[in-house]
Amino acid sequence: MTQSREWPNNARDARDRAAEAAVEGMRALEPLVDGMREMTETEKLRRAAMALVALQRIARLLESVGACTRP
């Protein structure tokens, strides 16, 4: 039996998880950008923080499979 290759499988997993995080970030930011509903400052801050966490997760996932980023 041929053993599965680790890198392509890990890269696929990182890609998929990064895509899920991107969607989470977009959903958090969309109400802030479209301005269609009133939000408290606390809600705005919470949504911005959620988007930041999603972006950080995307960067870490891509770095884990070789993407070069500056610290």
PDB file of N, CA and C in Angstrom:
ATOM      1  N   MET A   1       0.841  -1.179   0.000  1.00  0.00           N
ATOM      2  CA  MET A   1       0.000   0.000   0.000  1.00  0.00           C
ATOM      3  C   MET A   1       0.886   1.242   0.000  1.00  0.00           C
ATOM      4  N   THR A   2       0.520   2.218  -0.791  1.00  0.00           N
ATOM      5  CA  THR A   2       1.253   3.466  -0.857  1.00  0.00           C
ATOM      6  C   THR A   2       0.829   4.366   0.295  1.00  0.00           C
ATOM      7  N   GLN A   3       1.816   4.881   1.003  1.00  0.00           N
ATOM      8  CA  GLN A   3       1.512   5.764   2.126  1.00  0.00           C
ATOM      9  C   GLN A   3       1.100   7.137   1.604  1.00  0.00           C
ATOM     10  N   SER A   4       0.095   7.747   2.239  1.00  0.00           N
ATOM     11  CA  SER A   4      -0.361   9.059   1.784  1.00  0.00           C
ATOM     12  C   SER A   4       0.733  10.098   1.994  1.00  0.00           C
ATOM     13  N   ARG A   5       0.761  11.061   1.113  1.00  0.00           N
ATOM     14  CA  ARG A   5       1.767  12.116   1.191  1.00  0.00           C
ATOM     15  C   ARG A   5       1.294  13.175   2.174  1.00  0.00           C
ATOM     16  N   GLU A   6       2.163  13.488   3.128  1.00  0.00           N
ATOM     17  CA  GLU A   6       1.783  14.395   4.211  1.00  0.00           C
ATOM     18  C   GLU A   6       1.574  15.830   3.748  1.00  0.00           C
ATOM     19  N   TRP A   7       2.512  16.386   2.964  1.00  0.00           N
ATOM     20  CA  TRP A   7       2.420  17.801   2.636  1.00  0.00           C
ATOM     21  C   TRP A   7       1.170  18.159   1.846  1.00  0.00           C
ATOM     22  N   PRO A   8       0.857  17.484   0.754  1.00  0.00           N
ATOM     23  CA  PRO A   8      -0.362  17.885   0.023  1.00  0.00           C
ATOM     24  C   PRO A   8      -1.614  17.799   0.882  1.00  0.00           C
ATOM     25  N   ASN A   9      -1.680  16.784   1.733  1.00  0.00           N
ATOM     26  CA  ASN A   9      -2.862  16.651   2.586  1.00  0.00           C
ATOM     27  C   ASN A   9      -2.926  17.791   3.602  1.00  0.00           C
ATOM     28  N   ASN A  10      -1.783  18.132   4.195  1.00  0.00           N
ATOM     29  CA  ASN A  10      -1.755  19.242   5.145  1.00  0.00           C
ATOM     30  C   ASN A  10      -2.078  20.564   4.464  1.00  0.00           C
ATOM     31  N   ALA A  11      -1.559  20.763   3.260  1.00  0.00           N
ATOM     32  CA  ALA A  11      -1.818  22.002   2.530  1.00  0.00           C
ATOM     33  C   ALA A  11      -3.300  22.115   2.186  1.00  0.00           C
ATOM     34  N   ARG A  12      -3.909  21.015   1.803  1.00  0.00           N
ATOM     35  CA  ARG A  12      -5.340  21.028   1.479  1.00  0.00           C
ATOM     36  C   ARG A  12      -6.152  21.395   2.720  1.00  0.00           C
ATOM     37  N   ASP A  13      -5.790  20.813   3.855  1.00  0.00           N
ATOM     38  CA  ASP A  13      -6.490  21.109   5.103  1.00  0.00           C
ATOM     39  C   ASP A  13      -6.314  22.578   5.479  1.00  0.00           C
ATOM     40  N   ALA A  14      -5.103  23.098   5.369  1.00  0.00           N
ATOM     41  CA  ALA A  14      -4.848  24.508   5.693  1.00  0.00           C
ATOM     42  C   ALA A  14      -5.629  25.417   4.751  1.00  0.00           C
ATOM     43  N   ARG A  15      -5.664  25.082   3.478  1.00  0.00           N
ATOM     44  CA  ARG A  15      -6.422  25.874   2.498  1.00  0.00           C
ATOM     45  C   ARG A  15      -7.891  25.923   2.867  1.00  0.00           C
ATOM     46  N   ASP A  16      -8.461  24.770   3.180  1.00  0.00           N
ATOM     47  CA  ASP A  16      -9.883  24.705   3.504  1.00  0.00           C
ATOM     48  C   ASP A  16     -10.200  25.461   4.793  1.00  0.00           C
ATOM     49  N   ARG A  17      -9.347  25.317   5.801  1.00  0.00           N
ATOM     50  CA  ARG A  17      -9.571  26.020   7.064  1.00  0.00           C
ATOM     51  C   ARG A  17      -9.407  27.530   6.889  1.00  0.00           C
ATOM     52  N   ALA A  18      -8.452  27.939   6.046  1.00  0.00           N
ATOM     53  CA  ALA A  18      -8.264  29.365   5.766  1.00  0.00           C
ATOM     54  C   ALA A  18      -9.485  29.928   5.044  1.00  0.00           C
ATOM     55  N   ALA A  19     -10.045  29.170   4.124  1.00  0.00           N
ATOM     56  CA  ALA A  19     -11.242  29.618   3.411  1.00  0.00           C
ATOM     57  C   ALA A  19     -12.423  29.778   4.372  1.00  0.00           C
ATOM     58  N   GLU A  20     -12.572  28.861   5.299  1.00  0.00           N
ATOM     59  CA  GLU A  20     -13.643  28.968   6.293  1.00  0.00           C
ATOM     60  C   GLU A  20     -13.450  30.206   7.167  1.00  0.00           C
ATOM     61  N   ALA A  21     -12.215  30.484   7.559  1.00  0.00           N
ATOM     62  CA  ALA A  21     -11.928  31.673   8.367  1.00  0.00           C
ATOM     63  C   ALA A  21     -12.203  32.945   7.572  1.00  0.00           C
ATOM     64  N   ALA A  22     -11.916  32.927   6.267  1.00  0.00           N
ATOM     65  CA  ALA A  22     -12.189  34.091   5.425  1.00  0.00           C
ATOM     66  C   ALA A  22     -13.685  34.388   5.390  1.00  0.00           C
ATOM     67  N   VAL A  23     -14.487  33.358   5.274  1.00  0.00           N
ATOM     68  CA  VAL A  23     -15.934  33.544   5.263  1.00  0.00           C
ATOM     69  C   VAL A  23     -16.414  34.093   6.613  1.00  0.00           C
ATOM     70  N   GLU A  24     -15.857  33.593   7.711  1.00  0.00           N
ATOM     71  CA  GLU A  24     -16.218  34.108   9.038  1.00  0.00           C
ATOM     72  C   GLU A  24     -15.905  35.600   9.133  1.00  0.00           C
ATOM     73  N   GLY A  25     -14.729  35.982   8.667  1.00  0.00           N
ATOM     74  CA  GLY A  25     -14.339  37.388   8.701  1.00  0.00           C
ATOM     75  C   GLY A  25     -15.234  38.252   7.841  1.00  0.00           C
ATOM     76  N   MET A  26     -15.580  37.763   6.656  1.00  0.00           N
ATOM     77  CA  MET A  26     -16.465  38.524   5.775  1.00  0.00           C
ATOM     78  C   MET A  26     -17.837  38.718   6.407  1.00  0.00           C
ATOM     79  N   ARG A  27     -18.353  37.659   7.026  1.00  0.00           N
ATOM     80  CA  ARG A  27     -19.662  37.768   7.680  1.00  0.00           C
ATOM     81  C   ARG A  27     -19.630  38.750   8.846  1.00  0.00           C
ATOM     82  N   ALA A  28     -18.513  38.799   9.552  1.00  0.00           N
ATOM     83  CA  ALA A  28     -18.394  39.736  10.671  1.00  0.00           C
ATOM     84  C   ALA A  28     -18.330  41.178  10.183  1.00  0.00           C
ATOM     85  N   LEU A  29     -17.648  41.416   9.057  1.00  0.00           N
ATOM     86  CA  LEU A  29     -17.455  42.778   8.560  1.00  0.00           C
ATOM     87  C   LEU A  29     -18.609  43.317   7.721  1.00  0.00           C
ATOM     88  N   GLU A  30     -19.343  42.453   7.081  1.00  0.00           N
ATOM     89  CA  GLU A  30     -20.373  42.912   6.141  1.00  0.00           C
ATOM     90  C   GLU A  30     -21.354  43.919   6.745  1.00  0.00           C
ATOM     91  N   PRO A  31     -21.917  43.671   7.927  1.00  0.00           N
ATOM     92  CA  PRO A  31     -22.838  44.659   8.490  1.00  0.00           C
ATOM     93  C   PRO A  31     -22.174  46.003   8.816  1.00  0.00           C
ATOM     94  N   LEU A  32     -20.877  45.967   9.111  1.00  0.00           N
ATOM     95  CA  LEU A  32     -20.165  47.217   9.374  1.00  0.00           C
ATOM     96  C   LEU A  32     -20.018  48.043   8.102  1.00  0.00           C
ATOM     97  N   VAL A  33     -19.801  47.368   7.002  1.00  0.00           N
ATOM     98  CA  VAL A  33     -19.538  48.053   5.742  1.00  0.00           C
ATOM     99  C   VAL A  33     -20.819  48.524   5.065  1.00  0.00           C
ATOM    100  N   ASP A  34     -21.855  47.678   5.064  1.00  0.00           N
ATOM    101  CA  ASP A  34     -23.061  48.062   4.328  1.00  0.00           C
ATOM    102  C   ASP A  34     -23.896  49.101   5.072  1.00  0.00           C
ATOM    103  N   GLY A  35     -23.741  49.212   6.400  1.00  0.00           N
ATOM    104  CA  GLY A  35     -24.418  50.245   7.168  1.00  0.00           C
ATOM    105  C   GLY A  35     -25.930  50.181   7.140  1.00  0.00           C
ATOM    106  N   MET A  36     -26.475  49.005   6.876  1.00  0.00           N
ATOM    107  CA  MET A  36     -27.926  48.871   6.748  1.00  0.00           C
ATOM    108  C   MET A  36     -28.648  48.781   8.088  1.00  0.00           C
ATOM    109  N   ARG A  37     -27.903  48.578   9.166  1.00  0.00           N
ATOM    110  CA  ARG A  37     -28.570  48.502  10.461  1.00  0.00           C
ATOM    111  C   ARG A  37     -27.755  49.246  11.513  1.00  0.00           C
ATOM    112  N   GLU A  38     -28.455  49.707  12.511  1.00  0.00           N
ATOM    113  CA  GLU A  38     -27.808  50.411  13.614  1.00  0.00           C
ATOM    114  C   GLU A  38     -27.091  49.405  14.513  1.00  0.00           C
ATOM    115  N   MET A  39     -25.902  49.794  14.982  1.00  0.00           N
ATOM    116  CA  MET A  39     -25.133  48.945  15.884  1.00  0.00           C
ATOM    117  C   MET A  39     -24.535  49.806  16.980  1.00  0.00           C
ATOM    118  N   THR A  40     -24.412  49.208  18.136  1.00  0.00           N
ATOM    119  CA  THR A  40     -23.727  49.900  19.228  1.00  0.00           C
ATOM    120  C   THR A  40     -22.228  49.878  18.938  1.00  0.00           C
ATOM    121  N   GLU A  41     -21.511  50.752  19.611  1.00  0.00           N
ATOM    122  CA  GLU A  41     -20.053  50.764  19.464  1.00  0.00           C
ATOM    123  C   GLU A  41     -19.455  49.436  19.923  1.00  0.00           C
ATOM    124  N   THR A  42     -20.055  48.845  20.937  1.00  0.00           N
ATOM    125  CA  THR A  42     -19.575  47.551  21.431  1.00  0.00           C
ATOM    126  C   THR A  42     -19.726  46.484  20.359  1.00  0.00           C
ATOM    127  N   GLU A  43     -20.866  46.482  19.667  1.00  0.00           N
ATOM    128  CA  GLU A  43     -21.094  45.501  18.593  1.00  0.00           C
ATOM    129  C   GLU A  43     -20.111  45.726  17.446  1.00  0.00           C
ATOM    130  N   LYS A  44     -19.863  46.969  17.102  1.00  0.00           N
ATOM    131  CA  LYS A  44     -18.898  47.273  16.043  1.00  0.00           C
ATOM    132  C   LYS A  44     -17.509  46.754  16.414  1.00  0.00           C
ATOM    133  N   LEU A  45     -17.112  47.016  17.658  1.00  0.00           N
ATOM    134  CA  LEU A  45     -15.802  46.561  18.124  1.00  0.00           C
ATOM    135  C   LEU A  45     -15.728  45.034  18.136  1.00  0.00           C
ATOM    136  N   ARG A  46     -16.801  44.384  18.579  1.00  0.00           N
ATOM    137  CA  ARG A  46     -16.832  42.913  18.615  1.00  0.00           C
ATOM    138  C   ARG A  46     -16.674  42.342  17.214  1.00  0.00           C
ATOM    139  N   ARG A  47     -17.374  42.911  16.257  1.00  0.00           N
ATOM    140  CA  ARG A  47     -17.289  42.421  14.873  1.00  0.00           C
ATOM    141  C   ARG A  47     -15.905  42.655  14.277  1.00  0.00           C
ATOM    142  N   ALA A  48     -15.320  43.811  14.551  1.00  0.00           N
ATOM    143  CA  ALA A  48     -13.969  44.101  14.056  1.00  0.00           C
ATOM    144  C   ALA A  48     -12.971  43.121  14.671  1.00  0.00           C
ATOM    145  N   ALA A  49     -13.131  42.826  15.959  1.00  0.00           N
ATOM    146  CA  ALA A  49     -12.234  41.875  16.623  1.00  0.00           C
ATOM    147  C   ALA A  49     -12.393  40.478  16.032  1.00  0.00           C
ATOM    148  N   MET A  50     -13.620  40.074  15.740  1.00  0.00           N
ATOM    149  CA  MET A  50     -13.853  38.758  15.119  1.00  0.00           C
ATOM    150  C   MET A  50     -13.151  38.676  13.763  1.00  0.00           C
ATOM    151  N   ALA A  51     -13.235  39.744  12.985  1.00  0.00           N
ATOM    152  CA  ALA A  51     -12.586  39.762  11.674  1.00  0.00           C
ATOM    153  C   ALA A  51     -11.068  39.706  11.828  1.00  0.00           C
ATOM    154  N   LEU A  52     -10.525  40.429  12.792  1.00  0.00           N
ATOM    155  CA  LEU A  52      -9.081  40.407  13.022  1.00  0.00           C
ATOM    156  C   LEU A  52      -8.609  39.008  13.407  1.00  0.00           C
ATOM    157  N   VAL A  53      -9.326  38.351  14.284  1.00  0.00           N
ATOM    158  CA  VAL A  53      -8.972  36.987  14.686  1.00  0.00           C
ATOM    159  C   VAL A  53      -9.009  36.052  13.477  1.00  0.00           C
ATOM    160  N   ALA A  54     -10.022  36.202  12.625  1.00  0.00           N
ATOM    161  CA  ALA A  54     -10.113  35.360  11.427  1.00  0.00           C
ATOM    162  C   ALA A  54      -8.924  35.603  10.505  1.00  0.00           C
ATOM    163  N   LEU A  55      -8.531  36.860  10.322  1.00  0.00           N
ATOM    164  CA  LEU A  55      -7.378  37.175   9.470  1.00  0.00           C
ATOM    165  C   LEU A  55      -6.083  36.620  10.054  1.00  0.00           C
ATOM    166  N   GLN A  56      -5.940  36.707  11.364  1.00  0.00           N
ATOM    167  CA  GLN A  56      -4.752  36.142  11.999  1.00  0.00           C
ATOM    168  C   GLN A  56      -4.709  34.625  11.812  1.00  0.00           C
ATOM    169  N   ARG A  57      -5.858  33.976  11.940  1.00  0.00           N
ATOM    170  CA  ARG A  57      -5.918  32.523  11.753  1.00  0.00           C
ATOM    171  C   ARG A  57      -5.553  32.156  10.308  1.00  0.00           C
ATOM    172  N   ILE A  58      -6.039  32.936   9.345  1.00  0.00           N
ATOM    173  CA  ILE A  58      -5.701  32.688   7.937  1.00  0.00           C
ATOM    174  C   ILE A  58      -4.189  32.777   7.736  1.00  0.00           C
ATOM    175  N   ALA A  59      -3.575  33.834   8.271  1.00  0.00           N
ATOM    176  CA  ALA A  59      -2.122  34.004   8.117  1.00  0.00           C
ATOM    177  C   ALA A  59      -1.360  32.832   8.727  1.00  0.00           C
ATOM    178  N   ARG A  60      -1.734  32.414   9.930  1.00  0.00           N
ATOM    179  CA  ARG A  60      -1.041  31.291  10.577  1.00  0.00           C
ATOM    180  C   ARG A  60      -1.227  30.002   9.787  1.00  0.00           C
ATOM    181  N   LEU A  61      -2.413  29.758   9.269  1.00  0.00           N
ATOM    182  CA  LEU A  61      -2.644  28.544   8.491  1.00  0.00           C
ATOM    183  C   LEU A  61      -1.792  28.534   7.225  1.00  0.00           C
ATOM    184  N   LEU A  62      -1.727  29.663   6.535  1.00  0.00           N
ATOM    185  CA  LEU A  62      -0.935  29.730   5.307  1.00  0.00           C
ATOM    186  C   LEU A  62       0.561  29.631   5.603  1.00  0.00           C
ATOM    187  N   GLU A  63       0.996  30.234   6.711  1.00  0.00           N
ATOM    188  CA  GLU A  63       2.392  30.108   7.103  1.00  0.00           C
ATOM    189  C   GLU A  63       2.750  28.662   7.418  1.00  0.00           C
ATOM    190  N   SER A  64       1.801  27.919   7.968  1.00  0.00           N
ATOM    191  CA  SER A  64       2.078  26.526   8.342  1.00  0.00           C
ATOM    192  C   SER A  64       2.365  25.644   7.144  1.00  0.00           C
ATOM    193  N   VAL A  65       1.974  26.095   5.957  1.00  0.00           N
ATOM    194  CA  VAL A  65       2.258  25.303   4.755  1.00  0.00           C
ATOM    195  C   VAL A  65       3.194  26.045   3.808  1.00  0.00           C
ATOM    196  N   GLY A  66       3.984  26.987   4.382  1.00  0.00           N
ATOM    197  CA  GLY A  66       5.079  27.561   3.617  1.00  0.00           C
ATOM    198  C   GLY A  66       4.941  28.970   3.127  1.00  0.00           C
ATOM    199  N   ALA A  67       3.818  29.639   3.365  1.00  0.00           N
ATOM    200  CA  ALA A  67       3.685  31.021   2.913  1.00  0.00           C
ATOM    201  C   ALA A  67       4.646  31.903   3.702  1.00  0.00           C
ATOM    202  N   CYS A  68       5.334  32.772   2.999  1.00  0.00           N
ATOM    203  CA  CYS A  68       6.275  33.675   3.664  1.00  0.00           C
ATOM    204  C   CYS A  68       5.559  34.971   4.025  1.00  0.00           C
ATOM    205  N   THR A  69       5.651  35.361   5.276  1.00  0.00           N
ATOM    206  CA  THR A  69       5.096  36.623   5.725  1.00  0.00           C
ATOM    207  C   THR A  69       6.153  37.347   6.537  1.00  0.00           C
ATOM    208  N   ARG A  70       5.994  38.651   6.612  1.00  0.00           N
ATOM    209  CA  ARG A  70       6.909  39.440   7.438  1.00  0.00           C
ATOM    210  C   ARG A  70       6.349  39.508   8.850  1.00  0.00           C
ATOM    211  N   PRO A  71       7.207  39.417   9.854  1.00  0.00           N
ATOM    212  CA  PRO A  71       6.712  39.492  11.239  1.00  0.00           C
ATOM    213  C   PRO A  71       6.170  40.869  11.577  1.00  0.00           C
TER     214      PRO A  71
END
